[in-house]
């Protein structure tokens, strides 16, 4: 919701100006991100291939 309806610049502005909406939007984004990550991790964990998943994720996430 946060990423689809608000720009990063606007959210940054809200946070810098002390608006509570900025903190709420960042929280919504973080909860969505972590929930999505947990869903993506379930299958590699059950197939005992989490280390490969972790390696691929970190390469993509950290840009390496």
PDB file of N, CA and C in Angstrom:
ATOM      1  N   UNK A   1       0.816  -1.196   0.000  1.00  0.00           N
ATOM      2  CA  UNK A   1       0.000   0.000   0.000  1.00  0.00           C
ATOM      3  C   UNK A   1       0.861   1.262   0.000  1.00  0.00           C
ATOM      4  N   UNK A   2       1.855   1.284   0.849  1.00  0.00           N
ATOM      5  CA  UNK A   2       2.672   2.492   0.984  1.00  0.00           C
ATOM      6  C   UNK A   2       3.423   2.806  -0.306  1.00  0.00           C
ATOM      7  N   UNK A   3       4.029   1.803  -0.898  1.00  0.00           N
ATOM      8  CA  UNK A   3       4.833   2.022  -2.106  1.00  0.00           C
ATOM      9  C   UNK A   3       3.974   2.323  -3.332  1.00  0.00           C
ATOM     10  N   UNK A   4       2.782   1.785  -3.364  1.00  0.00           N
ATOM     11  CA  UNK A   4       1.907   1.999  -4.519  1.00  0.00           C
ATOM     12  C   UNK A   4       1.221   3.355  -4.483  1.00  0.00           C
ATOM     13  N   UNK A   5       1.045   3.918  -3.314  1.00  0.00           N
ATOM     14  CA  UNK A   5       0.263   5.138  -3.184  1.00  0.00           C
ATOM     15  C   UNK A   5       1.060   6.383  -2.812  1.00  0.00           C
ATOM     16  N   UNK A   6       2.311   6.230  -2.389  1.00  0.00           N
ATOM     17  CA  UNK A   6       3.119   7.370  -1.972  1.00  0.00           C
ATOM     18  C   UNK A   6       4.533   7.225  -2.545  1.00  0.00           C
ATOM     19  N   UNK A   7       5.120   8.337  -2.946  1.00  0.00           N
ATOM     20  CA  UNK A   7       6.486   8.296  -3.457  1.00  0.00           C
ATOM     21  C   UNK A   7       7.470   8.237  -2.288  1.00  0.00           C
ATOM     22  N   UNK A   8       8.665   7.767  -2.590  1.00  0.00           N
ATOM     23  CA  UNK A   8       9.706   7.738  -1.563  1.00  0.00           C
ATOM     24  C   UNK A   8      10.025   9.152  -1.087  1.00  0.00           C
ATOM     25  N   UNK A   9      10.015  10.095  -2.026  1.00  0.00           N
ATOM     26  CA  UNK A   9      10.305  11.489  -1.666  1.00  0.00           C
ATOM     27  C   UNK A   9       9.268  12.035  -0.688  1.00  0.00           C
ATOM     28  N   UNK A  10       8.008  11.722  -0.932  1.00  0.00           N
ATOM     29  CA  UNK A  10       6.946  12.212  -0.042  1.00  0.00           C
ATOM     30  C   UNK A  10       7.059  11.574   1.341  1.00  0.00           C
ATOM     31  N   UNK A  11       7.340  10.278   1.375  1.00  0.00           N
ATOM     32  CA  UNK A  11       7.499   9.600   2.670  1.00  0.00           C
ATOM     33  C   UNK A  11       8.696  10.177   3.418  1.00  0.00           C
ATOM     34  N   UNK A  12       9.779  10.436   2.697  1.00  0.00           N
ATOM     35  CA  UNK A  12      10.959  11.049   3.315  1.00  0.00           C
ATOM     36  C   UNK A  12      10.611  12.424   3.870  1.00  0.00           C
ATOM     37  N   UNK A  13       9.861  13.194   3.111  1.00  0.00           N
ATOM     38  CA  UNK A  13       9.419  14.515   3.573  1.00  0.00           C
ATOM     39  C   UNK A  13       8.598  14.389   4.855  1.00  0.00           C
ATOM     40  N   UNK A  14       7.685  13.423   4.881  1.00  0.00           N
ATOM     41  CA  UNK A  14       6.857  13.235   6.078  1.00  0.00           C
ATOM     42  C   UNK A  14       7.711  12.908   7.297  1.00  0.00           C
ATOM     43  N   UNK A  15       8.693  12.033   7.111  1.00  0.00           N
ATOM     44  CA  UNK A  15       9.561  11.644   8.227  1.00  0.00           C
ATOM     45  C   UNK A  15      10.403  12.830   8.689  1.00  0.00           C
ATOM     46  N   UNK A  16      10.993  13.557   7.729  1.00  0.00           N
ATOM     47  CA  UNK A  16      11.836  14.707   8.087  1.00  0.00           C
ATOM     48  C   UNK A  16      11.055  15.817   8.770  1.00  0.00           C
ATOM     49  N   UNK A  17       9.777  15.937   8.458  1.00  0.00           N
ATOM     50  CA  UNK A  17       8.972  16.992   9.080  1.00  0.00           C
ATOM     51  C   UNK A  17       8.261  16.517  10.354  1.00  0.00           C
ATOM     52  N   UNK A  18       8.522  15.277  10.748  1.00  0.00           N
ATOM     53  CA  UNK A  18       7.978  14.770  12.000  1.00  0.00           C
ATOM     54  C   UNK A  18       6.525  14.336  11.938  1.00  0.00           C
ATOM     55  N   UNK A  19       6.010  14.129  10.737  1.00  0.00           N
ATOM     56  CA  UNK A  19       4.621  13.695  10.587  1.00  0.00           C
ATOM     57  C   UNK A  19       4.487  12.206  10.921  1.00  0.00           C
ATOM     58  N   UNK A  20       3.505  11.872  11.712  1.00  0.00           N
ATOM     59  CA  UNK A  20       3.284  10.480  12.125  1.00  0.00           C
ATOM     60  C   UNK A  20       2.945   9.584  10.944  1.00  0.00           C
ATOM     61  N   UNK A  21       2.330  10.144   9.897  1.00  0.00           N
ATOM     62  CA  UNK A  21       1.984   9.349   8.723  1.00  0.00           C
ATOM     63  C   UNK A  21       3.230   8.735   8.089  1.00  0.00           C
ATOM     64  N   UNK A  22       4.338   9.459   8.092  1.00  0.00           N
ATOM     65  CA  UNK A  22       5.579   8.924   7.529  1.00  0.00           C
ATOM     66  C   UNK A  22       6.028   7.659   8.246  1.00  0.00           C
ATOM     67  N   UNK A  23       5.983   7.690   9.549  1.00  0.00           N
ATOM     68  CA  UNK A  23       6.376   6.523  10.349  1.00  0.00           C
ATOM     69  C   UNK A  23       5.410   5.367  10.111  1.00  0.00           C
ATOM     70  N   UNK A  24       4.137   5.672  10.005  1.00  0.00           N
ATOM     71  CA  UNK A  24       3.146   4.621   9.753  1.00  0.00           C
ATOM     72  C   UNK A  24       3.366   3.974   8.395  1.00  0.00           C
ATOM     73  N   UNK A  25       3.636   4.789   7.373  1.00  0.00           N
ATOM     74  CA  UNK A  25       3.850   4.244   6.028  1.00  0.00           C
ATOM     75  C   UNK A  25       5.114   3.393   5.968  1.00  0.00           C
ATOM     76  N   UNK A  26       6.170   3.831   6.639  1.00  0.00           N
ATOM     77  CA  UNK A  26       7.398   3.034   6.683  1.00  0.00           C
ATOM     78  C   UNK A  26       7.134   1.720   7.406  1.00  0.00           C
ATOM     79  N   UNK A  27       6.359   1.761   8.468  1.00  0.00           N
ATOM     80  CA  UNK A  27       6.012   0.533   9.199  1.00  0.00           C
ATOM     81  C   UNK A  27       5.211  -0.423   8.330  1.00  0.00           C
ATOM     82  N   UNK A  28       4.238   0.104   7.596  1.00  0.00           N
ATOM     83  CA  UNK A  28       3.439  -0.738   6.689  1.00  0.00           C
ATOM     84  C   UNK A  28       4.344  -1.377   5.648  1.00  0.00           C
ATOM     85  N   UNK A  29       5.257  -0.591   5.098  1.00  0.00           N
ATOM     86  CA  UNK A  29       6.195  -1.119   4.102  1.00  0.00           C
ATOM     87  C   UNK A  29       7.061  -2.228   4.695  1.00  0.00           C
ATOM     88  N   UNK A  30       7.603  -1.996   5.881  1.00  0.00           N
ATOM     89  CA  UNK A  30       8.486  -2.989   6.509  1.00  0.00           C
ATOM     90  C   UNK A  30       7.742  -4.279   6.838  1.00  0.00           C
ATOM     91  N   UNK A  31       6.529  -4.169   7.325  1.00  0.00           N
ATOM     92  CA  UNK A  31       5.744  -5.373   7.627  1.00  0.00           C
ATOM     93  C   UNK A  31       5.484  -6.155   6.348  1.00  0.00           C
ATOM     94  N   UNK A  32       5.125  -5.464   5.271  1.00  0.00           N
ATOM     95  CA  UNK A  32       4.904  -6.136   3.993  1.00  0.00           C
ATOM     96  C   UNK A  32       6.182  -6.821   3.523  1.00  0.00           C
ATOM     97  N   UNK A  33       7.310  -6.126   3.601  1.00  0.00           N
ATOM     98  CA  UNK A  33       8.589  -6.683   3.162  1.00  0.00           C
ATOM     99  C   UNK A  33       8.930  -7.960   3.936  1.00  0.00           C
ATOM    100  N   UNK A  34       8.854  -7.901   5.252  1.00  0.00           N
ATOM    101  CA  UNK A  34       9.207  -9.070   6.065  1.00  0.00           C
ATOM    102  C   UNK A  34       8.216 -10.214   5.890  1.00  0.00           C
ATOM    103  N   UNK A  35       6.950  -9.909   5.759  1.00  0.00           N
ATOM    104  CA  UNK A  35       5.955 -10.947   5.529  1.00  0.00           C
ATOM    105  C   UNK A  35       6.215 -11.643   4.195  1.00  0.00           C
ATOM    106  N   UNK A  36       6.512 -10.864   3.176  1.00  0.00           N
ATOM    107  CA  UNK A  36       6.827 -11.411   1.862  1.00  0.00           C
ATOM    108  C   UNK A  36       8.086 -12.280   1.922  1.00  0.00           C
ATOM    109  N   UNK A  37       9.091 -11.817   2.651  1.00  0.00           N
ATOM    110  CA  UNK A  37      10.322 -12.602   2.799  1.00  0.00           C
ATOM    111  C   UNK A  37      10.046 -13.936   3.476  1.00  0.00           C
ATOM    112  N   UNK A  38       9.231 -13.931   4.498  1.00  0.00           N
ATOM    113  CA  UNK A  38       8.919 -15.177   5.197  1.00  0.00           C
ATOM    114  C   UNK A  38       8.189 -16.150   4.272  1.00  0.00           C
ATOM    115  N   UNK A  39       7.284 -15.641   3.457  1.00  0.00           N
ATOM    116  CA  UNK A  39       6.599 -16.506   2.491  1.00  0.00           C
ATOM    117  C   UNK A  39       7.586 -17.095   1.500  1.00  0.00           C
ATOM    118  N   UNK A  40       8.536 -16.289   1.047  1.00  0.00           N
ATOM    119  CA  UNK A  40       9.532 -16.776   0.089  1.00  0.00           C
ATOM    120  C   UNK A  40      10.501 -17.771   0.709  1.00  0.00           C
ATOM    121  N   UNK A  41      10.706 -17.725   2.006  1.00  0.00           N
ATOM    122  CA  UNK A  41      11.648 -18.621   2.679  1.00  0.00           C
ATOM    123  C   UNK A  41      11.072 -19.994   2.987  1.00  0.00           C
ATOM    124  N   UNK A  42       9.773 -20.096   3.077  1.00  0.00           N
ATOM    125  CA  UNK A  42       9.162 -21.358   3.515  1.00  0.00           C
ATOM    126  C   UNK A  42       9.550 -22.548   2.641  1.00  0.00           C
ATOM    127  N   UNK A  43       9.461 -22.398   1.342  1.00  0.00           N
ATOM    128  CA  UNK A  43       9.763 -23.519   0.445  1.00  0.00           C
ATOM    129  C   UNK A  43      11.239 -23.935   0.528  1.00  0.00           C
ATOM    130  N   UNK A  44      12.196 -23.013   0.449  1.00  0.00           N
ATOM    131  CA  UNK A  44      13.593 -23.445   0.591  1.00  0.00           C
ATOM    132  C   UNK A  44      13.887 -24.104   1.938  1.00  0.00           C
ATOM    133  N   UNK A  45      13.230 -23.653   2.987  1.00  0.00           N
ATOM    134  CA  UNK A  45      13.440 -24.282   4.290  1.00  0.00           C
ATOM    135  C   UNK A  45      12.930 -25.714   4.264  1.00  0.00           C
ATOM    136  N   UNK A  46      11.727 -25.919   3.698  1.00  0.00           N
ATOM    137  CA  UNK A  46      11.161 -27.266   3.665  1.00  0.00           C
ATOM    138  C   UNK A  46      11.934 -28.198   2.730  1.00  0.00           C
ATOM    139  N   UNK A  47      12.581 -27.640   1.712  1.00  0.00           N
ATOM    140  CA  UNK A  47      13.362 -28.453   0.777  1.00  0.00           C
ATOM    141  C   UNK A  47      14.835 -28.536   1.176  1.00  0.00           C
ATOM    142  N   UNK A  48      15.171 -28.007   2.343  1.00  0.00           N
ATOM    143  CA  UNK A  48      16.529 -28.019   2.870  1.00  0.00           C
ATOM    144  C   UNK A  48      17.526 -27.344   1.914  1.00  0.00           C
ATOM    145  N   UNK A  49      17.084 -26.245   1.312  1.00  0.00           N
ATOM    146  CA  UNK A  49      17.963 -25.495   0.406  1.00  0.00           C
ATOM    147  C   UNK A  49      18.011 -24.012   0.792  1.00  0.00           C
ATOM    148  N   UNK A  50      17.894 -23.752   2.091  1.00  0.00           N
ATOM    149  CA  UNK A  50      17.854 -22.364   2.543  1.00  0.00           C
ATOM    150  C   UNK A  50      19.173 -21.648   2.299  1.00  0.00           C
ATOM    151  N   UNK A  51      20.289 -22.332   2.443  1.00  0.00           N
ATOM    152  CA  UNK A  51      21.577 -21.655   2.254  1.00  0.00           C
ATOM    153  C   UNK A  51      21.717 -21.128   0.825  1.00  0.00           C
ATOM    154  N   UNK A  52      21.204 -21.862  -0.147  1.00  0.00           N
ATOM    155  CA  UNK A  52      21.226 -21.396  -1.537  1.00  0.00           C
ATOM    156  C   UNK A  52      20.307 -20.181  -1.702  1.00  0.00           C
ATOM    157  N   UNK A  53      19.130 -20.252  -1.109  1.00  0.00           N
ATOM    158  CA  UNK A  53      18.192 -19.120  -1.141  1.00  0.00           C
ATOM    159  C   UNK A  53      18.836 -17.881  -0.527  1.00  0.00           C
ATOM    160  N   UNK A  54      19.475 -18.058   0.613  1.00  0.00           N
ATOM    161  CA  UNK A  54      20.119 -16.954   1.310  1.00  0.00           C
ATOM    162  C   UNK A  54      21.201 -16.323   0.445  1.00  0.00           C
ATOM    163  N   UNK A  55      22.015 -17.155  -0.180  1.00  0.00           N
ATOM    164  CA  UNK A  55      23.095 -16.666  -1.038  1.00  0.00           C
ATOM    165  C   UNK A  55      22.533 -15.846  -2.202  1.00  0.00           C
ATOM    166  N   UNK A  56      21.489 -16.355  -2.856  1.00  0.00           N
ATOM    167  CA  UNK A  56      20.869 -15.651  -3.973  1.00  0.00           C
ATOM    168  C   UNK A  56      20.212 -14.350  -3.514  1.00  0.00           C
ATOM    169  N   UNK A  57      19.537 -14.401  -2.390  1.00  0.00           N
ATOM    170  CA  UNK A  57      18.878 -13.202  -1.871  1.00  0.00           C
ATOM    171  C   UNK A  57      19.897 -12.111  -1.556  1.00  0.00           C
ATOM    172  N   UNK A  58      20.963 -12.475  -0.848  1.00  0.00           N
ATOM    173  CA  UNK A  58      21.954 -11.478  -0.487  1.00  0.00           C
ATOM    174  C   UNK A  58      22.658 -10.907  -1.711  1.00  0.00           C
ATOM    175  N   UNK A  59      22.905 -11.729  -2.715  1.00  0.00           N
ATOM    176  CA  UNK A  59      23.528 -11.229  -3.930  1.00  0.00           C
ATOM    177  C   UNK A  59      22.613 -10.211  -4.620  1.00  0.00           C
ATOM    178  N   UNK A  60      21.323 -10.503  -4.633  1.00  0.00           N
ATOM    179  CA  UNK A  60      20.358  -9.594  -5.254  1.00  0.00           C
ATOM    180  C   UNK A  60      20.145  -8.345  -4.395  1.00  0.00           C
ATOM    181  N   UNK A  61      19.997  -8.542  -3.088  1.00  0.00           N
ATOM    182  CA  UNK A  61      19.673  -7.451  -2.185  1.00  0.00           C
ATOM    183  C   UNK A  61      20.839  -6.488  -1.995  1.00  0.00           C
ATOM    184  N   UNK A  62      22.052  -7.045  -1.919  1.00  0.00           N
ATOM    185  CA  UNK A  62      23.227  -6.222  -1.702  1.00  0.00           C
ATOM    186  C   UNK A  62      23.899  -5.794  -3.004  1.00  0.00           C
ATOM    187  N   UNK A  63      23.400  -6.331  -4.127  1.00  0.00           N
ATOM    188  CA  UNK A  63      23.928  -5.948  -5.416  1.00  0.00           C
ATOM    189  C   UNK A  63      25.295  -6.528  -5.718  1.00  0.00           C
ATOM    190  N   UNK A  64      25.562  -7.709  -5.196  1.00  0.00           N
ATOM    191  CA  UNK A  64      26.875  -8.345  -5.425  1.00  0.00           C
ATOM    192  C   UNK A  64      26.764  -9.454  -6.435  1.00  0.00           C
TER     193      UNK A  64
END
